[in-house]
Amino acid sequence: MGVAVAAAGAVGDVIVKKEGFAAFRPQFRCVALIVWEPWYVIKGTVLALRELARSLVGRQPHFQFRTVPYRYGSQNETAAGRRALFSAYVTISPDTIVVGLDPKREIALLHILGSEELPKIARELGARV
């Protein structure tokens, strides 16, 4: 059964790559940022729990929707990889969510808990303050 599923996956992979659907070729520097993720998730979890505690004691939690300039890049595979990693890496932490990327205006819409600055990993992946 496992061999059949693996073979079907391999065939699907070849078909998708042949059609050029969802090209993804991130830069090594961007992929290497994964080493920051454990710290980023721990920090974000603490911030999210702090805001939950504020809410449980009847205080208004701090949060914001924020648009930030984001170098969207071109339509090549490297830029697509950077955008995908931006959305994944920034959203992994429970305190920040990438709501969307606007390619025409080159901005990212983020939902951020707490009164924190733009996450450093977002700046490393192309967001500007």
C-alpha atoms as a PDB file:
ATOM      1  CA  MET A   1       0.000   0.000   0.000  1.00  0.00           C
ATOM      2  CA  GLY A   2       2.822   2.398   0.927  1.00  0.00           C
ATOM      3  CA  VAL A   3       4.640   1.748  -2.344  1.00  0.00           C
ATOM      4  CA  ALA A   4       1.485   2.475  -4.339  1.00  0.00           C
ATOM      5  CA  VAL A   5       0.905   5.752  -2.504  1.00  0.00           C
ATOM      6  CA  ALA A   6       4.560   6.759  -2.947  1.00  0.00           C
ATOM      7  CA  ALA A   7       4.375   5.956  -6.673  1.00  0.00           C
ATOM      8  CA  ALA A   8       1.189   8.021  -7.036  1.00  0.00           C
ATOM      9  CA  GLY A   9       2.895  10.898  -5.215  1.00  0.00           C
ATOM     10  CA  ALA A  10       5.920  10.668  -7.493  1.00  0.00           C
ATOM     11  CA  VAL A  11       3.705  10.730 -10.588  1.00  0.00           C
ATOM     12  CA  GLY A  12       1.817  13.723  -9.214  1.00  0.00           C
ATOM     13  CA  ASP A  13       5.106  15.494  -8.500  1.00  0.00           C
ATOM     14  CA  VAL A  14       6.290  14.986 -12.085  1.00  0.00           C
ATOM     15  CA  ILE A  15       2.980  16.267 -13.494  1.00  0.00           C
ATOM     16  CA  VAL A  16       2.999  19.379 -11.321  1.00  0.00           C
ATOM     17  CA  LYS A  17       6.637  20.162 -12.138  1.00  0.00           C
ATOM     18  CA  LYS A  18       6.047  19.609 -15.864  1.00  0.00           C
ATOM     19  CA  GLU A  19       3.124  22.059 -15.871  1.00  0.00           C
ATOM     20  CA  GLY A  20       5.133  24.666 -13.984  1.00  0.00           C
ATOM     21  CA  PHE A  21       2.409  25.046 -11.358  1.00  0.00           C
ATOM     22  CA  ALA A  22       3.476  26.730  -8.103  1.00  0.00           C
ATOM     23  CA  ALA A  23       7.144  27.189  -8.868  1.00  0.00           C
ATOM     24  CA  PHE A  24       9.109  27.450  -5.656  1.00  0.00           C
ATOM     25  CA  ARG A  25      12.850  28.021  -5.445  1.00  0.00           C
ATOM     26  CA  PRO A  26      13.743  29.832  -2.221  1.00  0.00           C
ATOM     27  CA  GLN A  27      17.187  31.188  -1.489  1.00  0.00           C
ATOM     28  CA  PHE A  28      19.270  29.228   1.009  1.00  0.00           C
ATOM     29  CA  ARG A  29      19.574  32.317   3.233  1.00  0.00           C
ATOM     30  CA  CYS A  30      15.781  32.457   3.554  1.00  0.00           C
ATOM     31  CA  VAL A  31      15.421  28.749   4.283  1.00  0.00           C
ATOM     32  CA  ALA A  32      18.197  28.975   6.902  1.00  0.00           C
ATOM     33  CA  LEU A  33      16.047  31.382   8.931  1.00  0.00           C
ATOM     34  CA  ILE A  34      14.208  28.297  10.225  1.00  0.00           C
ATOM     35  CA  VAL A  35      16.783  28.181  13.033  1.00  0.00           C
ATOM     36  CA  TRP A  36      15.093  31.286  14.520  1.00  0.00           C
ATOM     37  CA  GLU A  37      11.671  29.668  14.596  1.00  0.00           C
ATOM     38  CA  PRO A  38      11.869  27.906  17.994  1.00  0.00           C
ATOM     39  CA  TRP A  39      12.746  31.185  19.762  1.00  0.00           C
ATOM     40  CA  TYR A  40      10.204  33.077  17.678  1.00  0.00           C
ATOM     41  CA  VAL A  41       7.452  30.581  18.589  1.00  0.00           C
ATOM     42  CA  ILE A  42       8.329  30.625  22.298  1.00  0.00           C
ATOM     43  CA  LYS A  43       8.322  34.427  22.378  1.00  0.00           C
ATOM     44  CA  GLY A  44       5.051  34.560  20.416  1.00  0.00           C
ATOM     45  CA  THR A  45       3.414  32.012  22.688  1.00  0.00           C
ATOM     46  CA  VAL A  46       4.334  34.057  25.761  1.00  0.00           C
ATOM     47  CA  LEU A  47       2.886  37.190  24.125  1.00  0.00           C
ATOM     48  CA  ALA A  48      -0.317  35.369  23.134  1.00  0.00           C
ATOM     49  CA  LEU A  49      -0.739  33.980  26.654  1.00  0.00           C
ATOM     50  CA  ARG A  50      -0.182  37.465  28.090  1.00  0.00           C
ATOM     51  CA  GLU A  51      -2.955  38.855  25.897  1.00  0.00           C
ATOM     52  CA  LEU A  52      -5.226  35.938  26.827  1.00  0.00           C
ATOM     53  CA  ALA A  53      -4.617  36.688  30.498  1.00  0.00           C
ATOM     54  CA  ARG A  54      -5.460  40.355  29.908  1.00  0.00           C
ATOM     55  CA  SER A  55      -8.716  39.288  28.316  1.00  0.00           C
ATOM     56  CA  LEU A  56      -9.572  36.849  31.131  1.00  0.00           C
ATOM     57  CA  VAL A  57      -9.202  39.544  33.791  1.00  0.00           C
ATOM     58  CA  GLY A  58     -11.460  41.898  31.876  1.00  0.00           C
ATOM     59  CA  ARG A  59      -8.851  44.132  30.284  1.00  0.00           C
ATOM     60  CA  GLN A  60      -8.822  44.912  26.601  1.00  0.00           C
ATOM     61  CA  PRO A  61      -6.192  42.825  24.768  1.00  0.00           C
ATOM     62  CA  HIS A  62      -3.740  44.703  22.579  1.00  0.00           C
ATOM     63  CA  PHE A  63      -3.776  43.797  18.917  1.00  0.00           C
ATOM     64  CA  GLN A  64      -3.439  45.563  15.628  1.00  0.00           C
ATOM     65  CA  PHE A  65      -3.919  45.056  11.937  1.00  0.00           C
ATOM     66  CA  ARG A  66      -0.891  46.552  10.314  1.00  0.00           C
ATOM     67  CA  THR A  67       0.157  47.059   6.735  1.00  0.00           C
ATOM     68  CA  VAL A  68       3.869  47.032   6.108  1.00  0.00           C
ATOM     69  CA  PRO A  69       5.796  47.675   2.910  1.00  0.00           C
ATOM     70  CA  TYR A  70       6.889  44.332   1.521  1.00  0.00           C
ATOM     71  CA  ARG A  71       9.262  43.819  -1.388  1.00  0.00           C
ATOM     72  CA  TYR A  72       6.980  41.496  -3.289  1.00  0.00           C
ATOM     73  CA  GLY A  73       9.545  40.647  -5.951  1.00  0.00           C
ATOM     74  CA  SER A  74       8.932  39.514  -9.462  1.00  0.00           C
ATOM     75  CA  GLN A  75       7.037  36.481 -10.676  1.00  0.00           C
ATOM     76  CA  ASN A  76      10.105  34.227 -10.706  1.00  0.00           C
ATOM     77  CA  GLU A  77      10.572  31.098  -8.602  1.00  0.00           C
ATOM     78  CA  THR A  78      12.969  32.707  -6.133  1.00  0.00           C
ATOM     79  CA  ALA A  79      10.535  35.528  -5.328  1.00  0.00           C
ATOM     80  CA  ALA A  80       7.697  33.004  -5.005  1.00  0.00           C
ATOM     81  CA  GLY A  81       9.819  31.035  -2.549  1.00  0.00           C
ATOM     82  CA  ARG A  82      10.542  34.140  -0.487  1.00  0.00           C
ATOM     83  CA  ARG A  83       6.820  35.051  -0.363  1.00  0.00           C
ATOM     84  CA  ALA A  84       5.856  31.522   0.671  1.00  0.00           C
ATOM     85  CA  LEU A  85       8.487  31.440   3.403  1.00  0.00           C
ATOM     86  CA  PHE A  86       7.427  34.919   4.569  1.00  0.00           C
ATOM     87  CA  SER A  87       3.838  33.753   5.013  1.00  0.00           C
ATOM     88  CA  ALA A  88       4.831  30.475   6.670  1.00  0.00           C
ATOM     89  CA  TYR A  89       7.613  31.698   8.941  1.00  0.00           C
ATOM     90  CA  VAL A  90       5.795  34.785  10.187  1.00  0.00           C
ATOM     91  CA  THR A  91       2.511  32.926  10.773  1.00  0.00           C
ATOM     92  CA  ILE A  92       4.075  30.003  12.675  1.00  0.00           C
ATOM     93  CA  SER A  93       4.170  32.071  15.847  1.00  0.00           C
ATOM     94  CA  PRO A  94       0.772  32.502  17.523  1.00  0.00           C
ATOM     95  CA  ASP A  95       1.171  36.265  17.950  1.00  0.00           C
ATOM     96  CA  THR A  96       1.468  37.281  14.281  1.00  0.00           C
ATOM     97  CA  ILE A  97      -0.556  36.214  11.256  1.00  0.00           C
ATOM     98  CA  VAL A  98       0.035  37.163   7.634  1.00  0.00           C
ATOM     99  CA  VAL A  99      -3.470  38.003   6.470  1.00  0.00           C
ATOM    100  CA  GLY A 100      -2.455  38.731   2.895  1.00  0.00           C
ATOM    101  CA  LEU A 101       0.083  40.069   0.429  1.00  0.00           C
ATOM    102  CA  ASP A 102      -0.878  42.744  -2.086  1.00  0.00           C
ATOM    103  CA  PRO A 103       1.388  42.513  -5.141  1.00  0.00           C
ATOM    104  CA  LYS A 104       0.141  45.718  -6.767  1.00  0.00           C
ATOM    105  CA  ARG A 105       0.835  47.979  -3.807  1.00  0.00           C
ATOM    106  CA  GLU A 106       3.672  45.790  -2.454  1.00  0.00           C
ATOM    107  CA  ILE A 107       2.337  45.586   1.074  1.00  0.00           C
ATOM    108  CA  ALA A 108       1.685  42.827   3.581  1.00  0.00           C
ATOM    109  CA  LEU A 109      -1.297  42.897   5.941  1.00  0.00           C
ATOM    110  CA  LEU A 110      -0.439  41.458   9.353  1.00  0.00           C
ATOM    111  CA  HIS A 111      -2.488  40.815  12.487  1.00  0.00           C
ATOM    112  CA  ILE A 112      -0.194  41.317  15.480  1.00  0.00           C
ATOM    113  CA  LEU A 113      -1.038  40.597  19.124  1.00  0.00           C
ATOM    114  CA  GLY A 114       0.420  42.870  21.740  1.00  0.00           C
ATOM    115  CA  SER A 115       2.067  46.165  21.068  1.00  0.00           C
ATOM    116  CA  GLU A 116       5.136  44.560  19.566  1.00  0.00           C
ATOM    117  CA  GLU A 117       7.271  45.801  16.742  1.00  0.00           C
ATOM    118  CA  LEU A 118       7.363  44.105  13.382  1.00  0.00           C
ATOM    119  CA  PRO A 119       8.973  40.687  13.949  1.00  0.00           C
ATOM    120  CA  LYS A 120      12.654  40.538  13.004  1.00  0.00           C
ATOM    121  CA  ILE A 121      12.075  37.473  10.832  1.00  0.00           C
ATOM    122  CA  ALA A 122       9.550  39.477   8.768  1.00  0.00           C
ATOM    123  CA  ARG A 123      12.190  42.166   8.194  1.00  0.00           C
ATOM    124  CA  GLU A 124      14.751  39.518   7.228  1.00  0.00           C
ATOM    125  CA  LEU A 125      12.325  38.178   4.605  1.00  0.00           C
ATOM    126  CA  GLY A 126      11.659  41.532   2.962  1.00  0.00           C
ATOM    127  CA  ALA A 127       9.184  43.511   5.085  1.00  0.00           C
ATOM    128  CA  ARG A 128      10.197  47.103   5.757  1.00  0.00           C
ATOM    129  CA  VAL A 129       9.327  49.292   8.700  1.00  0.00           C
END
